[in-house]
């Protein structure tokens, strides 16, 4: 029974750490850039958009496709940074223990 008590205690500690990590991710912001910094997309650690900057010099009514592509590229860059940040935090929380493929936390 002692092992079960220890297991429950560890589960509770992990749950607390997970809640702290989710809160930290919500408040951490990462910025993706495209077009040599002419477009910036800022996301929080949960992937919610928090900011968008577009250099006015690239706004061309005749070429909206270029701006759309830059926005997508900046967003993808920011998402990659969010994913890397999330993996780093998860690694810290699990003490470097790798999770099985497909098991992404937070759920």
PDB file of N, CA and C in Angstrom:
ATOM      1  N   UNK A   1       0.815  -1.204   0.000  1.00  0.00           N
ATOM      2  CA  UNK A   1       0.000   0.000   0.000  1.00  0.00           C
ATOM      3  C   UNK A   1       0.858   1.267   0.000  1.00  0.00           C
ATOM      4  N   UNK A   2       2.061   1.168   0.572  1.00  0.00           N
ATOM      5  CA  UNK A   2       2.934   2.332   0.633  1.00  0.00           C
ATOM      6  C   UNK A   2       3.277   2.823  -0.769  1.00  0.00           C
ATOM      7  N   UNK A   3       3.501   1.887  -1.692  1.00  0.00           N
ATOM      8  CA  UNK A   3       3.815   2.266  -3.066  1.00  0.00           C
ATOM      9  C   UNK A   3       2.653   3.001  -3.724  1.00  0.00           C
ATOM     10  N   UNK A   4       1.450   2.574  -3.424  1.00  0.00           N
ATOM     11  CA  UNK A   4       0.273   3.232  -3.974  1.00  0.00           C
ATOM     12  C   UNK A   4       0.179   4.665  -3.458  1.00  0.00           C
ATOM     13  N   UNK A   5       0.490   4.850  -2.178  1.00  0.00           N
ATOM     14  CA  UNK A   5       0.488   6.201  -1.606  1.00  0.00           C
ATOM     15  C   UNK A   5       1.524   7.087  -2.265  1.00  0.00           C
ATOM     16  N   UNK A   6       2.705   6.540  -2.500  1.00  0.00           N
ATOM     17  CA  UNK A   6       3.756   7.303  -3.180  1.00  0.00           C
ATOM     18  C   UNK A   6       3.350   7.645  -4.608  1.00  0.00           C
ATOM     19  N   UNK A   7       2.741   6.685  -5.279  1.00  0.00           N
ATOM     20  CA  UNK A   7       2.290   6.906  -6.649  1.00  0.00           C
ATOM     21  C   UNK A   7       1.238   8.017  -6.703  1.00  0.00           C
ATOM     22  N   UNK A   8       0.326   8.011  -5.773  1.00  0.00           N
ATOM     23  CA  UNK A   8      -0.716   9.048  -5.724  1.00  0.00           C
ATOM     24  C   UNK A   8      -0.094  10.418  -5.439  1.00  0.00           C
ATOM     25  N   UNK A   9       0.892  10.442  -4.567  1.00  0.00           N
ATOM     26  CA  UNK A   9       1.577  11.699  -4.241  1.00  0.00           C
ATOM     27  C   UNK A   9       2.307  12.235  -5.481  1.00  0.00           C
ATOM     28  N   UNK A  10       2.976  11.352  -6.208  1.00  0.00           N
ATOM     29  CA  UNK A  10       3.679  11.763  -7.424  1.00  0.00           C
ATOM     30  C   UNK A  10       2.700  12.263  -8.486  1.00  0.00           C
ATOM     31  N   UNK A  11       1.564  11.600  -8.592  1.00  0.00           N
ATOM     32  CA  UNK A  11       0.550  12.025  -9.560  1.00  0.00           C
ATOM     33  C   UNK A  11       0.031  13.425  -9.216  1.00  0.00           C
ATOM     34  N   UNK A  12      -0.174  13.678  -7.948  1.00  0.00           N
ATOM     35  CA  UNK A  12      -0.648  14.990  -7.498  1.00  0.00           C
ATOM     36  C   UNK A  12       0.406  16.064  -7.794  1.00  0.00           C
ATOM     37  N   UNK A  13       1.676  15.739  -7.530  1.00  0.00           N
ATOM     38  CA  UNK A  13       2.756  16.684  -7.813  1.00  0.00           C
ATOM     39  C   UNK A  13       2.838  16.975  -9.308  1.00  0.00           C
ATOM     40  N   UNK A  14       2.696  15.935 -10.136  1.00  0.00           N
ATOM     41  CA  UNK A  14       2.732  16.107 -11.592  1.00  0.00           C
ATOM     42  C   UNK A  14       1.570  16.972 -12.053  1.00  0.00           C
ATOM     43  N   UNK A  15       0.411  16.785 -11.463  1.00  0.00           N
ATOM     44  CA  UNK A  15      -0.766  17.577 -11.816  1.00  0.00           C
ATOM     45  C   UNK A  15      -0.532  19.051 -11.472  1.00  0.00           C
ATOM     46  N   UNK A  16       0.067  19.313 -10.334  1.00  0.00           N
ATOM     47  CA  UNK A  16       0.374  20.685  -9.930  1.00  0.00           C
ATOM     48  C   UNK A  16       1.381  21.312 -10.884  1.00  0.00           C
ATOM     49  N   UNK A  17       2.426  20.551 -11.215  1.00  0.00           N
ATOM     50  CA  UNK A  17       3.438  21.058 -12.152  1.00  0.00           C
ATOM     51  C   UNK A  17       2.828  21.339 -13.518  1.00  0.00           C
ATOM     52  N   UNK A  18       1.913  20.466 -13.947  1.00  0.00           N
ATOM     53  CA  UNK A  18       1.270  20.646 -15.255  1.00  0.00           C
ATOM     54  C   UNK A  18       0.438  21.928 -15.268  1.00  0.00           C
ATOM     55  N   UNK A  19      -0.293  22.189 -14.206  1.00  0.00           N
ATOM     56  CA  UNK A  19      -1.095  23.414 -14.117  1.00  0.00           C
ATOM     57  C   UNK A  19      -0.195  24.637 -14.137  1.00  0.00           C
ATOM     58  N   UNK A  20       0.926  24.579 -13.437  1.00  0.00           N
ATOM     59  CA  UNK A  20       1.874  25.696 -13.437  1.00  0.00           C
ATOM     60  C   UNK A  20       2.451  25.916 -14.831  1.00  0.00           C
ATOM     61  N   UNK A  21       2.774  24.813 -15.531  1.00  0.00           N
ATOM     62  CA  UNK A  21       3.327  24.924 -16.875  1.00  0.00           C
ATOM     63  C   UNK A  21       2.308  25.525 -17.837  1.00  0.00           C
ATOM     64  N   UNK A  22       1.063  25.097 -17.747  1.00  0.00           N
ATOM     65  CA  UNK A  22       0.029  25.632 -18.625  1.00  0.00           C
ATOM     66  C   UNK A  22      -0.159  27.127 -18.392  1.00  0.00           C
ATOM     67  N   UNK A  23      -0.105  27.560 -17.137  1.00  0.00           N
ATOM     68  CA  UNK A  23      -0.221  28.980 -16.832  1.00  0.00           C
ATOM     69  C   UNK A  23       0.962  29.747 -17.405  1.00  0.00           C
ATOM     70  N   UNK A  24       2.159  29.203 -17.241  1.00  0.00           N
ATOM     71  CA  UNK A  24       3.355  29.855 -17.770  1.00  0.00           C
ATOM     72  C   UNK A  24       3.284  29.950 -19.288  1.00  0.00           C
ATOM     73  N   UNK A  25       2.796  28.904 -19.946  1.00  0.00           N
ATOM     74  CA  UNK A  25       2.698  28.914 -21.409  1.00  0.00           C
ATOM     75  C   UNK A  25       1.697  29.954 -21.884  1.00  0.00           C
ATOM     76  N   UNK A  26       0.642  30.145 -21.138  1.00  0.00           N
ATOM     77  CA  UNK A  26      -0.369  31.121 -21.531  1.00  0.00           C
ATOM     78  C   UNK A  26       0.201  32.539 -21.511  1.00  0.00           C
ATOM     79  N   UNK A  27       1.174  32.784 -20.637  1.00  0.00           N
ATOM     80  CA  UNK A  27       1.714  34.130 -20.488  1.00  0.00           C
ATOM     81  C   UNK A  27       3.029  34.347 -21.231  1.00  0.00           C
ATOM     82  N   UNK A  28       3.624  33.293 -21.765  1.00  0.00           N
ATOM     83  CA  UNK A  28       4.879  33.412 -22.499  1.00  0.00           C
ATOM     84  C   UNK A  28       4.564  33.697 -23.962  1.00  0.00           C
ATOM     85  N   UNK A  29       5.212  34.704 -24.534  1.00  0.00           N
ATOM     86  CA  UNK A  29       4.949  35.064 -25.923  1.00  0.00           C
ATOM     87  C   UNK A  29       6.184  34.816 -26.781  1.00  0.00           C
ATOM     88  N   UNK A  30       5.930  34.308 -27.999  1.00  0.00           N
ATOM     89  CA  UNK A  30       6.987  34.017 -28.958  1.00  0.00           C
ATOM     90  C   UNK A  30       6.614  34.667 -30.283  1.00  0.00           C
ATOM     91  N   UNK A  31       7.610  35.232 -30.962  1.00  0.00           N
ATOM     92  CA  UNK A  31       7.352  35.963 -32.196  1.00  0.00           C
ATOM     93  C   UNK A  31       8.005  35.277 -33.377  1.00  0.00           C
ATOM     94  N   UNK A  32       7.209  35.059 -34.409  1.00  0.00           N
ATOM     95  CA  UNK A  32       7.707  34.531 -35.674  1.00  0.00           C
ATOM     96  C   UNK A  32       7.842  35.669 -36.658  1.00  0.00           C
ATOM     97  N   UNK A  33       8.845  35.573 -37.522  1.00  0.00           N
ATOM     98  CA  UNK A  33       9.088  36.650 -38.484  1.00  0.00           C
ATOM     99  C   UNK A  33       9.183  36.086 -39.893  1.00  0.00           C
ATOM    100  N   UNK A  34       8.918  36.964 -40.856  1.00  0.00           N
ATOM    101  CA  UNK A  34       9.074  36.623 -42.271  1.00  0.00           C
ATOM    102  C   UNK A  34       9.416  37.902 -43.023  1.00  0.00           C
ATOM    103  N   UNK A  35       9.966  37.723 -44.214  1.00  0.00           N
ATOM    104  CA  UNK A  35      10.306  38.887 -45.036  1.00  0.00           C
ATOM    105  C   UNK A  35      11.327  39.768 -44.353  1.00  0.00           C
ATOM    106  N   UNK A  36      12.360  39.163 -43.781  1.00  0.00           N
ATOM    107  CA  UNK A  36      13.433  39.909 -43.095  1.00  0.00           C
ATOM    108  C   UNK A  36      12.872  40.829 -42.015  1.00  0.00           C
ATOM    109  N   UNK A  37      11.854  40.337 -41.315  1.00  0.00           N
ATOM    110  CA  UNK A  37      11.299  41.102 -40.202  1.00  0.00           C
ATOM    111  C   UNK A  37      10.202  42.077 -40.597  1.00  0.00           C
ATOM    112  N   UNK A  38       9.782  42.036 -41.840  1.00  0.00           N
ATOM    113  CA  UNK A  38       8.739  42.960 -42.291  1.00  0.00           C
ATOM    114  C   UNK A  38       7.356  42.524 -41.817  1.00  0.00           C
ATOM    115  N   UNK A  39       7.218  41.252 -41.482  1.00  0.00           N
ATOM    116  CA  UNK A  39       5.968  40.727 -40.921  1.00  0.00           C
ATOM    117  C   UNK A  39       6.336  39.952 -39.657  1.00  0.00           C
ATOM    118  N   UNK A  40       5.638  40.244 -38.560  1.00  0.00           N
ATOM    119  CA  UNK A  40       5.843  39.556 -37.295  1.00  0.00           C
ATOM    120  C   UNK A  40       4.500  39.093 -36.748  1.00  0.00           C
ATOM    121  N   UNK A  41       4.473  37.845 -36.295  1.00  0.00           N
ATOM    122  CA  UNK A  41       3.288  37.284 -35.660  1.00  0.00           C
ATOM    123  C   UNK A  41       3.709  36.824 -34.269  1.00  0.00           C
ATOM    124  N   UNK A  42       3.012  37.306 -33.242  1.00  0.00           N
ATOM    125  CA  UNK A  42       3.315  36.934 -31.865  1.00  0.00           C
ATOM    126  C   UNK A  42       2.202  36.052 -31.323  1.00  0.00           C
ATOM    127  N   UNK A  43       2.604  34.878 -30.825  1.00  0.00           N
ATOM    128  CA  UNK A  43       1.671  33.923 -30.235  1.00  0.00           C
ATOM    129  C   UNK A  43       2.069  33.673 -28.796  1.00  0.00           C
ATOM    130  N   UNK A  44       1.081  33.337 -27.967  1.00  0.00           N
ATOM    131  CA  UNK A  44       1.450  32.898 -26.624  1.00  0.00           C
ATOM    132  C   UNK A  44       1.780  31.411 -26.697  1.00  0.00           C
ATOM    133  N   UNK A  45       2.228  30.864 -25.594  1.00  0.00           N
ATOM    134  CA  UNK A  45       2.642  29.472 -25.563  1.00  0.00           C
ATOM    135  C   UNK A  45       1.541  28.477 -25.841  1.00  0.00           C
ATOM    136  N   UNK A  46       0.304  28.930 -25.838  1.00  0.00           N
ATOM    137  CA  UNK A  46      -0.824  28.054 -26.164  1.00  0.00           C
ATOM    138  C   UNK A  46      -1.244  28.197 -27.629  1.00  0.00           C
ATOM    139  N   UNK A  47      -0.573  29.105 -28.360  1.00  0.00           N
ATOM    140  CA  UNK A  47      -0.866  29.275 -29.777  1.00  0.00           C
ATOM    141  C   UNK A  47      -1.865  30.369 -30.091  1.00  0.00           C
ATOM    142  N   UNK A  48      -2.308  31.122 -29.092  1.00  0.00           N
ATOM    143  CA  UNK A  48      -3.239  32.221 -29.333  1.00  0.00           C
ATOM    144  C   UNK A  48      -2.464  33.429 -29.853  1.00  0.00           C
ATOM    145  N   UNK A  49      -2.984  34.068 -30.913  1.00  0.00           N
ATOM    146  CA  UNK A  49      -2.307  35.233 -31.475  1.00  0.00           C
ATOM    147  C   UNK A  49      -2.440  36.415 -30.527  1.00  0.00           C
ATOM    148  N   UNK A  50      -1.299  37.020 -30.214  1.00  0.00           N
ATOM    149  CA  UNK A  50      -1.268  38.161 -29.306  1.00  0.00           C
ATOM    150  C   UNK A  50      -0.836  39.438 -30.007  1.00  0.00           C
ATOM    151  N   UNK A  51      -0.253  39.311 -31.187  1.00  0.00           N
ATOM    152  CA  UNK A  51       0.181  40.513 -31.884  1.00  0.00           C
ATOM    153  C   UNK A  51       0.501  40.230 -33.340  1.00  0.00           C
ATOM    154  N   UNK A  52       0.412  41.289 -34.135  1.00  0.00           N
ATOM    155  CA  UNK A  52       0.704  41.214 -35.558  1.00  0.00           C
ATOM    156  C   UNK A  52       1.272  42.553 -35.986  1.00  0.00           C
ATOM    157  N   UNK A  53       2.428  42.514 -36.644  1.00  0.00           N
ATOM    158  CA  UNK A  53       3.029  43.744 -37.164  1.00  0.00           C
ATOM    159  C   UNK A  53       3.325  43.547 -38.638  1.00  0.00           C
ATOM    160  N   UNK A  54       2.944  44.544 -39.425  1.00  0.00           N
ATOM    161  CA  UNK A  54       3.205  44.512 -40.858  1.00  0.00           C
ATOM    162  C   UNK A  54       3.845  45.838 -41.238  1.00  0.00           C
ATOM    163  N   UNK A  55       5.016  45.757 -41.845  1.00  0.00           N
ATOM    164  CA  UNK A  55       5.678  46.961 -42.324  1.00  0.00           C
ATOM    165  C   UNK A  55       4.829  47.544 -43.456  1.00  0.00           C
ATOM    166  N   UNK A  56       4.416  48.811 -43.328  1.00  0.00           N
ATOM    167  CA  UNK A  56       3.543  49.404 -44.347  1.00  0.00           C
ATOM    168  C   UNK A  56       4.135  49.387 -45.756  1.00  0.00           C
ATOM    169  N   UNK A  57       5.442  49.329 -45.867  1.00  0.00           N
ATOM    170  CA  UNK A  57       6.062  49.365 -47.194  1.00  0.00           C
ATOM    171  C   UNK A  57       5.772  48.118 -48.021  1.00  0.00           C
ATOM    172  N   UNK A  58       5.333  47.033 -47.398  1.00  0.00           N
ATOM    173  CA  UNK A  58       5.061  45.820 -48.172  1.00  0.00           C
ATOM    174  C   UNK A  58       3.583  45.654 -48.508  1.00  0.00           C
ATOM    175  N   UNK A  59       2.781  46.616 -48.120  1.00  0.00           N
ATOM    176  CA  UNK A  59       1.349  46.534 -48.434  1.00  0.00           C
ATOM    177  C   UNK A  59       1.129  47.070 -49.843  1.00  0.00           C
ATOM    178  N   UNK A  60       0.836  46.141 -50.744  1.00  0.00           N
ATOM    179  CA  UNK A  60       0.618  46.479 -52.151  1.00  0.00           C
ATOM    180  C   UNK A  60      -0.747  45.927 -52.558  1.00  0.00           C
ATOM    181  N   UNK A  61      -1.708  46.809 -52.791  1.00  0.00           N
ATOM    182  CA  UNK A  61      -3.050  46.336 -53.174  1.00  0.00           C
ATOM    183  C   UNK A  61      -3.045  45.460 -54.424  1.00  0.00           C
ATOM    184  N   UNK A  62      -2.032  45.607 -55.242  1.00  0.00           N
ATOM    185  CA  UNK A  62      -1.947  44.820 -56.482  1.00  0.00           C
ATOM    186  C   UNK A  62      -1.334  43.433 -56.230  1.00  0.00           C
ATOM    187  N   UNK A  63      -0.730  43.238 -55.069  1.00  0.00           N
ATOM    188  CA  UNK A  63      -0.058  41.968 -54.784  1.00  0.00           C
ATOM    189  C   UNK A  63      -0.367  41.495 -53.366  1.00  0.00           C
ATOM    190  N   UNK A  64      -1.629  41.197 -53.110  1.00  0.00           N
ATOM    191  CA  UNK A  64      -2.018  40.746 -51.770  1.00  0.00           C
ATOM    192  C   UNK A  64      -1.483  39.343 -51.482  1.00  0.00           C
ATOM    193  N   UNK A  65      -1.185  38.571 -52.544  1.00  0.00           N
ATOM    194  CA  UNK A  65      -0.668  37.215 -52.360  1.00  0.00           C
ATOM    195  C   UNK A  65       0.658  37.213 -51.613  1.00  0.00           C
ATOM    196  N   UNK A  66       1.516  38.173 -51.903  1.00  0.00           N
ATOM    197  CA  UNK A  66       2.809  38.236 -51.232  1.00  0.00           C
ATOM    198  C   UNK A  66       2.616  38.456 -49.734  1.00  0.00           C
ATOM    199  N   UNK A  67       1.724  39.369 -49.376  1.00  0.00           N
ATOM    200  CA  UNK A  67       1.458  39.638 -47.967  1.00  0.00           C
ATOM    201  C   UNK A  67       0.853  38.406 -47.289  1.00  0.00           C
ATOM    202  N   UNK A  68      -0.058  37.743 -47.973  1.00  0.00           N
ATOM    203  CA  UNK A  68      -0.649  36.522 -47.421  1.00  0.00           C
ATOM    204  C   UNK A  68       0.423  35.466 -47.162  1.00  0.00           C
ATOM    205  N   UNK A  69       1.347  35.299 -48.104  1.00  0.00           N
ATOM    206  CA  UNK A  69       2.421  34.318 -47.940  1.00  0.00           C
ATOM    207  C   UNK A  69       3.331  34.681 -46.770  1.00  0.00           C
ATOM    208  N   UNK A  70       3.629  35.960 -46.627  1.00  0.00           N
ATOM    209  CA  UNK A  70       4.475  36.398 -45.519  1.00  0.00           C
ATOM    210  C   UNK A  70       3.780  36.184 -44.177  1.00  0.00           C
ATOM    211  N   UNK A  71       2.482  36.440 -44.140  1.00  0.00           N
ATOM    212  CA  UNK A  71       1.723  36.200 -42.902  1.00  0.00           C
ATOM    213  C   UNK A  71       1.740  34.718 -42.531  1.00  0.00           C
ATOM    214  N   UNK A  72       1.532  33.854 -43.520  1.00  0.00           N
ATOM    215  CA  UNK A  72       1.557  32.418 -43.258  1.00  0.00           C
ATOM    216  C   UNK A  72       2.940  31.971 -42.797  1.00  0.00           C
ATOM    217  N   UNK A  73       3.978  32.503 -43.418  1.00  0.00           N
ATOM    218  CA  UNK A  73       5.342  32.126 -43.043  1.00  0.00           C
ATOM    219  C   UNK A  73       5.677  32.593 -41.626  1.00  0.00           C
ATOM    220  N   UNK A  74       5.282  33.812 -41.273  1.00  0.00           N
ATOM    221  CA  UNK A  74       5.543  34.322 -39.928  1.00  0.00           C
ATOM    222  C   UNK A  74       4.772  33.519 -38.891  1.00  0.00           C
ATOM    223  N   UNK A  75       3.543  33.156 -39.219  1.00  0.00           N
ATOM    224  CA  UNK A  75       2.734  32.352 -38.302  1.00  0.00           C
ATOM    225  C   UNK A  75       3.368  30.974 -38.120  1.00  0.00           C
ATOM    226  N   UNK A  76       3.811  30.361 -39.192  1.00  0.00           N
ATOM    227  CA  UNK A  76       4.449  29.049 -39.102  1.00  0.00           C
ATOM    228  C   UNK A  76       5.721  29.128 -38.254  1.00  0.00           C
ATOM    229  N   UNK A  77       6.486  30.201 -38.420  1.00  0.00           N
ATOM    230  CA  UNK A  77       7.701  30.389 -37.624  1.00  0.00           C
ATOM    231  C   UNK A  77       7.354  30.501 -36.143  1.00  0.00           C
ATOM    232  N   UNK A  78       6.331  31.272 -35.831  1.00  0.00           N
ATOM    233  CA  UNK A  78       5.907  31.424 -34.438  1.00  0.00           C
ATOM    234  C   UNK A  78       5.413  30.088 -33.879  1.00  0.00           C
ATOM    235  N   UNK A  79       4.635  29.335 -34.652  1.00  0.00           N
ATOM    236  CA  UNK A  79       4.125  28.032 -34.186  1.00  0.00           C
ATOM    237  C   UNK A  79       5.271  27.059 -33.901  1.00  0.00           C
ATOM    238  N   UNK A  80       6.302  27.087 -34.760  1.00  0.00           N
ATOM    239  CA  UNK A  80       7.466  26.229 -34.533  1.00  0.00           C
ATOM    240  C   UNK A  80       8.156  26.602 -33.226  1.00  0.00           C
ATOM    241  N   UNK A  81       8.234  27.889 -32.936  1.00  0.00           N
ATOM    242  CA  UNK A  81       8.849  28.348 -31.690  1.00  0.00           C
ATOM    243  C   UNK A  81       8.001  27.940 -30.487  1.00  0.00           C
ATOM    244  N   UNK A  82       6.691  28.022 -30.629  1.00  0.00           N
ATOM    245  CA  UNK A  82       5.792  27.598 -29.550  1.00  0.00           C
ATOM    246  C   UNK A  82       5.972  26.108 -29.289  1.00  0.00           C
ATOM    247  N   UNK A  83       6.050  25.317 -30.339  1.00  0.00           N
ATOM    248  CA  UNK A  83       6.226  23.872 -30.196  1.00  0.00           C
ATOM    249  C   UNK A  83       7.555  23.551 -29.510  1.00  0.00           C
ATOM    250  N   UNK A  84       8.617  24.227 -29.920  1.00  0.00           N
ATOM    251  CA  UNK A  84       9.930  24.001 -29.301  1.00  0.00           C
ATOM    252  C   UNK A  84       9.907  24.405 -27.827  1.00  0.00           C
ATOM    253  N   UNK A  85       9.258  25.523 -27.525  1.00  0.00           N
ATOM    254  CA  UNK A  85       9.143  25.988 -26.146  1.00  0.00           C
ATOM    255  C   UNK A  85       8.361  24.982 -25.311  1.00  0.00           C
ATOM    256  N   UNK A  86       7.278  24.488 -25.870  1.00  0.00           N
ATOM    257  CA  UNK A  86       6.441  23.510 -25.170  1.00  0.00           C
ATOM    258  C   UNK A  86       7.230  22.238 -24.883  1.00  0.00           C
ATOM    259  N   UNK A  87       7.973  21.755 -25.865  1.00  0.00           N
ATOM    260  CA  UNK A  87       8.769  20.544 -25.675  1.00  0.00           C
ATOM    261  C   UNK A  87       9.858  20.761 -24.631  1.00  0.00           C
ATOM    262  N   UNK A  88      10.471  21.933 -24.649  1.00  0.00           N
ATOM    263  CA  UNK A  88      11.508  22.248 -23.668  1.00  0.00           C
ATOM    264  C   UNK A  88      10.933  22.246 -22.253  1.00  0.00           C
ATOM    265  N   UNK A  89       9.774  22.883 -22.076  1.00  0.00           N
ATOM    266  CA  UNK A  89       9.146  22.934 -20.762  1.00  0.00           C
ATOM    267  C   UNK A  89       8.721  21.540 -20.297  1.00  0.00           C
ATOM    268  N   UNK A  90       8.223  20.740 -21.215  1.00  0.00           N
ATOM    269  CA  UNK A  90       7.799  19.389 -20.866  1.00  0.00           C
ATOM    270  C   UNK A  90       9.010  18.560 -20.453  1.00  0.00           C
ATOM    271  N   UNK A  91      10.119  18.735 -21.155  1.00  0.00           N
ATOM    272  CA  UNK A  91      11.337  18.002 -20.816  1.00  0.00           C
ATOM    273  C   UNK A  91      11.813  18.389 -19.416  1.00  0.00           C
ATOM    274  N   UNK A  92      11.729  19.689 -19.108  1.00  0.00           N
ATOM    275  CA  UNK A  92      12.104  20.155 -17.769  1.00  0.00           C
ATOM    276  C   UNK A  92      11.203  19.520 -16.710  1.00  0.00           C
ATOM    277  N   UNK A  93       9.911  19.478 -17.008  1.00  0.00           N
ATOM    278  CA  UNK A  93       8.952  18.975 -16.034  1.00  0.00           C
ATOM    279  C   UNK A  93       9.116  17.475 -15.792  1.00  0.00           C
ATOM    280  N   UNK A  94       9.457  16.737 -16.844  1.00  0.00           N
ATOM    281  CA  UNK A  94       9.578  15.288 -16.714  1.00  0.00           C
ATOM    282  C   UNK A  94      11.001  14.859 -16.384  1.00  0.00           C
ATOM    283  N   UNK A  95      11.867  15.828 -16.104  1.00  0.00           N
ATOM    284  CA  UNK A  95      13.241  15.506 -15.754  1.00  0.00           C
ATOM    285  C   UNK A  95      14.018  14.920 -16.912  1.00  0.00           C
ATOM    286  N   UNK A  96      13.679  15.314 -18.137  1.00  0.00           N
ATOM    287  CA  UNK A  96      14.384  14.830 -19.315  1.00  0.00           C
ATOM    288  C   UNK A  96      13.836  13.533 -19.864  1.00  0.00           C
ATOM    289  N   UNK A  97      12.850  12.966 -19.200  1.00  0.00           N
ATOM    290  CA  UNK A  97      12.247  11.718 -19.654  1.00  0.00           C
ATOM    291  C   UNK A  97      11.493  11.983 -20.953  1.00  0.00           C
ATOM    292  N   UNK A  98      11.828  11.248 -21.986  1.00  0.00           N
ATOM    293  CA  UNK A  98      11.152  11.407 -23.266  1.00  0.00           C
ATOM    294  C   UNK A  98       9.789  10.717 -23.220  1.00  0.00           C
ATOM    295  N   UNK A  99       8.777  11.378 -23.749  1.00  0.00           N
ATOM    296  CA  UNK A  99       7.451  10.779 -23.829  1.00  0.00           C
ATOM    297  C   UNK A  99       7.348   9.935 -25.084  1.00  0.00           C
ATOM    298  N   UNK A 100       6.538   8.893 -25.065  1.00  0.00           N
ATOM    299  CA  UNK A 100       6.353   8.067 -26.258  1.00  0.00           C
ATOM    300  C   UNK A 100       5.802   8.901 -27.411  1.00  0.00           C
ATOM    301  N   UNK A 101       6.148   8.545 -28.648  1.00  0.00           N
ATOM    302  CA  UNK A 101       5.619   9.272 -29.818  1.00  0.00           C
ATOM    303  C   UNK A 101       4.093   9.331 -29.773  1.00  0.00           C
ATOM    304  N   UNK A 102       3.573  10.499 -30.086  1.00  0.00           N
ATOM    305  CA  UNK A 102       2.120  10.689 -30.114  1.00  0.00           C
ATOM    306  C   UNK A 102       1.532  11.088 -28.789  1.00  0.00           C
ATOM    307  N   UNK A 103       2.308  11.002 -27.719  1.00  0.00           N
ATOM    308  CA  UNK A 103       1.808  11.401 -26.390  1.00  0.00           C
ATOM    309  C   UNK A 103       2.264  12.826 -26.121  1.00  0.00           C
ATOM    310  N   UNK A 104       1.453  13.759 -26.518  1.00  0.00           N
ATOM    311  CA  UNK A 104       1.791  15.164 -26.361  1.00  0.00           C
ATOM    312  C   UNK A 104       1.096  15.737 -25.150  1.00  0.00           C
ATOM    313  N   UNK A 105       1.848  16.432 -24.346  1.00  0.00           N
ATOM    314  CA  UNK A 105       1.295  17.108 -23.180  1.00  0.00           C
ATOM    315  C   UNK A 105       1.531  18.583 -23.344  1.00  0.00           C
ATOM    316  N   UNK A 106       0.753  19.471 -22.845  1.00  0.00           N
ATOM    317  CA  UNK A 106      -0.490  19.185 -22.153  1.00  0.00           C
ATOM    318  C   UNK A 106      -1.552  18.695 -23.125  1.00  0.00           C
ATOM    319  N   UNK A 107      -2.437  17.859 -22.619  1.00  0.00           N
ATOM    320  CA  UNK A 107      -3.443  17.195 -23.457  1.00  0.00           C
ATOM    321  C   UNK A 107      -4.382  18.175 -24.074  1.00  0.00           C
TER     322      UNK A 107
END
